[in-house]
Amino acid sequence: MTDQEKKFADEFVFRYFNGEERDGRTIAVEVAKYAGYSIPDDNVVKADLLAQAIYNKAEIKTYIEDQIQDFKSKLHPSQRRILWTAIAAMTVGDPGEWDHHGLIQSNI
């Protein structure tokens, strides 16, 4: 996998879990642009086809699917719920107010 393909795949996984876009096609187009691919802004169909072609490369698609499964397997579903609740309760302040480890203060 090239550095650009790895950047695409890693960003896809990150946005899959953390991004506002929940549609895989939307994610693929935005991530392809982020990774430096030449994706047209004026042709939605062409942009979608190009981004999907990148996503559907066997090595990239397998890497993305493996990473998603790896992240999901790290926590039991009940643990993911607890973690999600803890993250939702966090308050993000000025980094200067964080403790000496750089951790975000939590309201829990």
N, C-alpha and C. Protein backbone atom coordinates (compact mmCIF):
# COMPACT_ATOMS: atom_id res chain seq x y z
N MET A 1 0.86 -1.18 0.00
CA MET A 1 0.00 0.00 0.00
C MET A 1 0.91 1.24 0.00
N THR A 2 0.56 2.21 -0.84
CA THR A 2 1.36 3.44 -0.89
C THR A 2 1.07 4.29 0.35
N ASP A 3 1.90 5.28 0.59
CA ASP A 3 1.67 6.20 1.72
C ASP A 3 0.32 6.91 1.55
N GLN A 4 0.00 7.29 0.32
CA GLN A 4 -1.27 7.98 0.07
C GLN A 4 -2.46 7.05 0.33
N GLU A 5 -2.34 5.81 -0.08
CA GLU A 5 -3.42 4.84 0.17
C GLU A 5 -3.58 4.59 1.67
N LYS A 6 -2.45 4.49 2.38
CA LYS A 6 -2.51 4.29 3.84
C LYS A 6 -3.14 5.49 4.52
N LYS A 7 -2.80 6.68 4.06
CA LYS A 7 -3.41 7.90 4.61
C LYS A 7 -4.92 7.87 4.39
N PHE A 8 -5.33 7.47 3.19
CA PHE A 8 -6.76 7.35 2.88
C PHE A 8 -7.42 6.34 3.82
N ALA A 9 -6.82 5.16 3.93
CA ALA A 9 -7.41 4.09 4.74
C ALA A 9 -7.48 4.46 6.22
N ASP A 10 -6.41 5.01 6.76
CA ASP A 10 -6.41 5.39 8.17
C ASP A 10 -7.42 6.49 8.45
N GLU A 11 -7.51 7.46 7.57
CA GLU A 11 -8.48 8.54 7.77
C GLU A 11 -9.90 8.03 7.62
N PHE A 12 -10.11 7.08 6.71
CA PHE A 12 -11.44 6.49 6.54
C PHE A 12 -11.87 5.83 7.85
N VAL A 13 -10.99 5.05 8.44
CA VAL A 13 -11.31 4.37 9.70
C VAL A 13 -11.59 5.40 10.80
N PHE A 14 -10.74 6.42 10.89
CA PHE A 14 -10.95 7.45 11.90
C PHE A 14 -12.32 8.10 11.73
N ARG A 15 -12.64 8.50 10.51
CA ARG A 15 -13.93 9.17 10.27
C ARG A 15 -15.10 8.22 10.42
N TYR A 16 -14.89 6.96 10.14
CA TYR A 16 -15.95 5.97 10.33
C TYR A 16 -16.40 5.97 11.78
N PHE A 17 -15.45 6.03 12.69
CA PHE A 17 -15.77 6.00 14.11
C PHE A 17 -16.06 7.39 14.68
N ASN A 18 -15.48 8.42 14.12
CA ASN A 18 -15.53 9.73 14.76
C ASN A 18 -16.15 10.84 13.93
N GLY A 19 -16.28 10.65 12.66
CA GLY A 19 -16.77 11.72 11.80
C GLY A 19 -18.28 11.88 11.84
N GLU A 20 -18.72 13.01 11.36
CA GLU A 20 -20.15 13.27 11.27
C GLU A 20 -20.77 12.53 10.11
N GLU A 21 -19.96 12.24 9.08
CA GLU A 21 -20.49 11.56 7.91
C GLU A 21 -20.70 10.08 8.23
N ARG A 22 -21.88 9.60 8.05
CA ARG A 22 -22.13 8.19 8.32
C ARG A 22 -22.29 7.40 7.03
N ASP A 23 -22.42 8.08 5.91
CA ASP A 23 -22.55 7.43 4.63
C ASP A 23 -21.16 7.12 4.10
N GLY A 24 -20.87 5.85 3.84
CA GLY A 24 -19.55 5.45 3.37
C GLY A 24 -19.11 6.19 2.12
N ARG A 25 -20.03 6.52 1.25
CA ARG A 25 -19.68 7.22 0.03
C ARG A 25 -19.24 8.64 0.37
N THR A 26 -19.93 9.32 1.25
CA THR A 26 -19.54 10.66 1.66
C THR A 26 -18.16 10.62 2.31
N ILE A 27 -17.96 9.65 3.17
CA ILE A 27 -16.67 9.51 3.82
C ILE A 27 -15.58 9.31 2.77
N ALA A 28 -15.80 8.43 1.81
CA ALA A 28 -14.78 8.12 0.81
C ALA A 28 -14.38 9.35 0.00
N VAL A 29 -15.33 10.15 -0.41
CA VAL A 29 -15.02 11.35 -1.20
C VAL A 29 -14.21 12.33 -0.36
N GLU A 30 -14.66 12.62 0.84
CA GLU A 30 -13.95 13.58 1.70
C GLU A 30 -12.56 13.07 2.07
N VAL A 31 -12.44 11.79 2.34
CA VAL A 31 -11.16 11.22 2.73
C VAL A 31 -10.20 11.20 1.53
N ALA A 32 -10.70 10.92 0.35
CA ALA A 32 -9.85 10.94 -0.84
C ALA A 32 -9.26 12.33 -1.04
N LYS A 33 -10.08 13.36 -0.85
CA LYS A 33 -9.58 14.73 -0.95
C LYS A 33 -8.52 14.98 0.12
N TYR A 34 -8.81 14.56 1.35
CA TYR A 34 -7.88 14.74 2.47
C TYR A 34 -6.53 14.07 2.19
N ALA A 35 -6.60 12.89 1.56
CA ALA A 35 -5.38 12.12 1.29
C ALA A 35 -4.60 12.64 0.08
N GLY A 36 -5.15 13.65 -0.58
CA GLY A 36 -4.43 14.28 -1.68
C GLY A 36 -4.77 13.78 -3.07
N TYR A 37 -5.81 12.98 -3.17
CA TYR A 37 -6.24 12.54 -4.50
C TYR A 37 -6.94 13.68 -5.20
N SER A 38 -6.86 13.69 -6.52
CA SER A 38 -7.50 14.72 -7.32
C SER A 38 -8.96 14.32 -7.54
N ILE A 39 -9.84 14.86 -6.71
CA ILE A 39 -11.27 14.55 -6.75
C ILE A 39 -12.00 15.83 -7.15
N PRO A 40 -12.80 15.77 -8.23
CA PRO A 40 -13.47 16.99 -8.69
C PRO A 40 -14.56 17.46 -7.72
N ASP A 41 -14.66 18.77 -7.59
CA ASP A 41 -15.72 19.35 -6.76
C ASP A 41 -16.99 19.60 -7.58
N ASP A 42 -16.83 19.69 -8.89
CA ASP A 42 -17.95 20.09 -9.74
C ASP A 42 -18.70 18.92 -10.38
N ASN A 43 -18.29 17.68 -10.11
CA ASN A 43 -18.94 16.52 -10.69
C ASN A 43 -19.10 15.45 -9.62
N VAL A 44 -20.26 15.44 -8.99
CA VAL A 44 -20.50 14.54 -7.86
C VAL A 44 -20.39 13.08 -8.27
N VAL A 45 -20.90 12.75 -9.44
CA VAL A 45 -20.86 11.36 -9.90
C VAL A 45 -19.41 10.91 -10.11
N LYS A 46 -18.62 11.73 -10.78
CA LYS A 46 -17.22 11.39 -11.02
C LYS A 46 -16.45 11.31 -9.70
N ALA A 47 -16.71 12.25 -8.79
CA ALA A 47 -16.05 12.25 -7.48
C ALA A 47 -16.36 10.95 -6.75
N ASP A 48 -17.62 10.55 -6.77
CA ASP A 48 -18.04 9.33 -6.09
C ASP A 48 -17.38 8.11 -6.72
N LEU A 49 -17.35 8.05 -8.03
CA LEU A 49 -16.74 6.91 -8.72
C LEU A 49 -15.24 6.81 -8.43
N LEU A 50 -14.55 7.92 -8.44
CA LEU A 50 -13.12 7.92 -8.15
C LEU A 50 -12.84 7.49 -6.71
N ALA A 51 -13.60 8.05 -5.78
CA ALA A 51 -13.40 7.71 -4.36
C ALA A 51 -13.72 6.24 -4.10
N GLN A 52 -14.78 5.75 -4.71
CA GLN A 52 -15.14 4.34 -4.52
C GLN A 52 -14.11 3.42 -5.14
N ALA A 53 -13.51 3.84 -6.26
CA ALA A 53 -12.46 3.03 -6.88
C ALA A 53 -11.26 2.90 -5.94
N ILE A 54 -10.94 3.99 -5.24
CA ILE A 54 -9.84 3.93 -4.26
C ILE A 54 -10.23 3.00 -3.12
N TYR A 55 -11.42 3.21 -2.56
CA TYR A 55 -11.88 2.40 -1.44
C TYR A 55 -11.94 0.92 -1.81
N ASN A 56 -12.34 0.62 -3.04
CA ASN A 56 -12.55 -0.78 -3.45
C ASN A 56 -11.28 -1.50 -3.88
N LYS A 57 -10.13 -0.84 -3.85
CA LYS A 57 -8.89 -1.58 -4.10
C LYS A 57 -8.78 -2.63 -3.01
N ALA A 58 -8.53 -3.85 -3.41
CA ALA A 58 -8.56 -4.98 -2.47
C ALA A 58 -7.74 -4.74 -1.20
N GLU A 59 -6.51 -4.26 -1.37
CA GLU A 59 -5.63 -4.07 -0.21
C GLU A 59 -6.18 -2.99 0.72
N ILE A 60 -6.71 -1.92 0.15
CA ILE A 60 -7.25 -0.82 0.96
C ILE A 60 -8.51 -1.27 1.69
N LYS A 61 -9.41 -1.89 0.96
CA LYS A 61 -10.69 -2.33 1.55
C LYS A 61 -10.46 -3.35 2.66
N THR A 62 -9.57 -4.29 2.42
CA THR A 62 -9.26 -5.29 3.45
C THR A 62 -8.65 -4.63 4.69
N TYR A 63 -7.73 -3.70 4.48
CA TYR A 63 -7.10 -2.99 5.60
C TYR A 63 -8.15 -2.24 6.41
N ILE A 64 -9.03 -1.52 5.74
CA ILE A 64 -10.09 -0.76 6.43
C ILE A 64 -10.99 -1.69 7.22
N GLU A 65 -11.44 -2.76 6.59
CA GLU A 65 -12.33 -3.71 7.29
C GLU A 65 -11.63 -4.34 8.48
N ASP A 66 -10.36 -4.69 8.32
CA ASP A 66 -9.59 -5.29 9.42
C ASP A 66 -9.43 -4.30 10.57
N GLN A 67 -9.13 -3.04 10.26
CA GLN A 67 -8.96 -2.02 11.29
C GLN A 67 -10.26 -1.79 12.05
N ILE A 68 -11.36 -1.72 11.34
CA ILE A 68 -12.67 -1.52 11.98
C ILE A 68 -12.98 -2.68 12.91
N GLN A 69 -12.76 -3.91 12.45
CA GLN A 69 -13.01 -5.08 13.30
C GLN A 69 -12.06 -5.11 14.50
N ASP A 70 -10.82 -4.71 14.28
CA ASP A 70 -9.85 -4.68 15.38
C ASP A 70 -10.30 -3.71 16.47
N PHE A 71 -10.72 -2.51 16.06
CA PHE A 71 -11.18 -1.53 17.03
C PHE A 71 -12.43 -2.04 17.76
N LYS A 72 -13.35 -2.62 17.03
CA LYS A 72 -14.58 -3.12 17.65
C LYS A 72 -14.29 -4.26 18.62
N SER A 73 -13.29 -5.08 18.31
CA SER A 73 -13.00 -6.24 19.16
C SER A 73 -12.30 -5.88 20.46
N LYS A 74 -11.77 -4.67 20.55
CA LYS A 74 -11.02 -4.28 21.75
C LYS A 74 -11.91 -4.13 22.98
N LEU A 75 -13.17 -3.81 22.76
CA LEU A 75 -14.09 -3.62 23.88
C LEU A 75 -15.37 -4.42 23.66
N HIS A 76 -15.88 -4.97 24.72
CA HIS A 76 -17.19 -5.62 24.70
C HIS A 76 -18.24 -4.53 24.46
N PRO A 77 -19.36 -4.83 23.82
CA PRO A 77 -20.37 -3.80 23.57
C PRO A 77 -20.77 -3.00 24.81
N SER A 78 -20.86 -3.65 25.96
CA SER A 78 -21.22 -2.90 27.18
C SER A 78 -20.10 -1.94 27.56
N GLN A 79 -18.85 -2.34 27.32
CA GLN A 79 -17.73 -1.44 27.60
C GLN A 79 -17.74 -0.25 26.65
N ARG A 80 -18.11 -0.50 25.38
CA ARG A 80 -18.20 0.61 24.42
C ARG A 80 -19.25 1.60 24.87
N ARG A 81 -20.36 1.12 25.43
CA ARG A 81 -21.43 2.01 25.92
C ARG A 81 -20.91 2.85 27.08
N ILE A 82 -20.18 2.23 28.00
CA ILE A 82 -19.63 2.95 29.14
C ILE A 82 -18.62 4.00 28.66
N LEU A 83 -17.76 3.60 27.74
CA LEU A 83 -16.77 4.53 27.20
C LEU A 83 -17.46 5.68 26.50
N TRP A 84 -18.47 5.39 25.70
CA TRP A 84 -19.20 6.44 24.99
C TRP A 84 -19.84 7.41 25.98
N THR A 85 -20.41 6.90 27.05
CA THR A 85 -21.02 7.74 28.08
C THR A 85 -19.96 8.63 28.73
N ALA A 86 -18.80 8.07 29.02
CA ALA A 86 -17.72 8.84 29.63
C ALA A 86 -17.23 9.93 28.68
N ILE A 87 -17.08 9.60 27.42
CA ILE A 87 -16.63 10.60 26.44
C ILE A 87 -17.67 11.71 26.32
N ALA A 88 -18.94 11.34 26.28
CA ALA A 88 -20.00 12.34 26.16
C ALA A 88 -20.01 13.30 27.35
N ALA A 89 -19.57 12.83 28.51
CA ALA A 89 -19.58 13.66 29.72
C ALA A 89 -18.35 14.54 29.85
N MET A 90 -17.37 14.34 28.98
CA MET A 90 -16.13 15.13 29.07
C MET A 90 -16.37 16.58 28.68
N THR A 91 -15.60 17.44 29.32
CA THR A 91 -15.60 18.86 28.99
C THR A 91 -14.24 19.18 28.41
N VAL A 92 -14.26 19.74 27.23
CA VAL A 92 -13.00 20.10 26.61
C VAL A 92 -12.74 21.57 26.92
N GLY A 93 -11.66 21.82 27.59
CA GLY A 93 -11.31 23.19 27.96
C GLY A 93 -10.05 23.61 27.24
N ASP A 94 -9.51 24.68 27.69
CA ASP A 94 -8.25 25.19 27.16
C ASP A 94 -7.15 24.19 27.52
N PRO A 95 -6.31 23.79 26.55
CA PRO A 95 -5.25 22.83 26.87
C PRO A 95 -4.38 23.27 28.03
N GLY A 96 -4.27 24.56 28.27
CA GLY A 96 -3.50 25.03 29.41
C GLY A 96 -4.10 24.62 30.74
N GLU A 97 -5.39 24.25 30.73
CA GLU A 97 -6.07 23.84 31.96
C GLU A 97 -6.01 22.34 32.18
N TRP A 98 -5.45 21.60 31.23
CA TRP A 98 -5.36 20.15 31.36
C TRP A 98 -4.32 19.79 32.41
N ASP A 99 -4.45 18.61 32.97
CA ASP A 99 -3.47 18.20 33.97
C ASP A 99 -2.12 17.95 33.29
N HIS A 100 -1.10 17.64 34.06
CA HIS A 100 0.26 17.53 33.53
C HIS A 100 0.46 16.39 32.54
N HIS A 101 -0.52 15.49 32.39
CA HIS A 101 -0.43 14.40 31.42
C HIS A 101 -1.14 14.76 30.12
N GLY A 102 -1.72 15.95 30.04
CA GLY A 102 -2.43 16.37 28.84
C GLY A 102 -3.81 15.76 28.71
N LEU A 103 -4.34 15.27 29.82
CA LEU A 103 -5.64 14.62 29.78
C LEU A 103 -6.75 15.66 29.90
N ILE A 104 -7.84 15.39 29.22
CA ILE A 104 -9.01 16.26 29.29
C ILE A 104 -9.73 15.97 30.60
N GLN A 105 -10.14 17.01 31.27
CA GLN A 105 -10.86 16.83 32.53
C GLN A 105 -12.25 16.27 32.26
N SER A 106 -12.73 15.40 33.09
CA SER A 106 -14.03 14.76 32.92
C SER A 106 -14.97 15.19 34.02
N ASN A 107 -16.28 15.18 33.71
CA ASN A 107 -17.30 15.53 34.70
C ASN A 107 -17.82 14.29 35.43
N ILE A 108 -17.22 13.15 35.20
CA ILE A 108 -17.70 11.92 35.83
C ILE A 108 -17.17 11.82 37.24
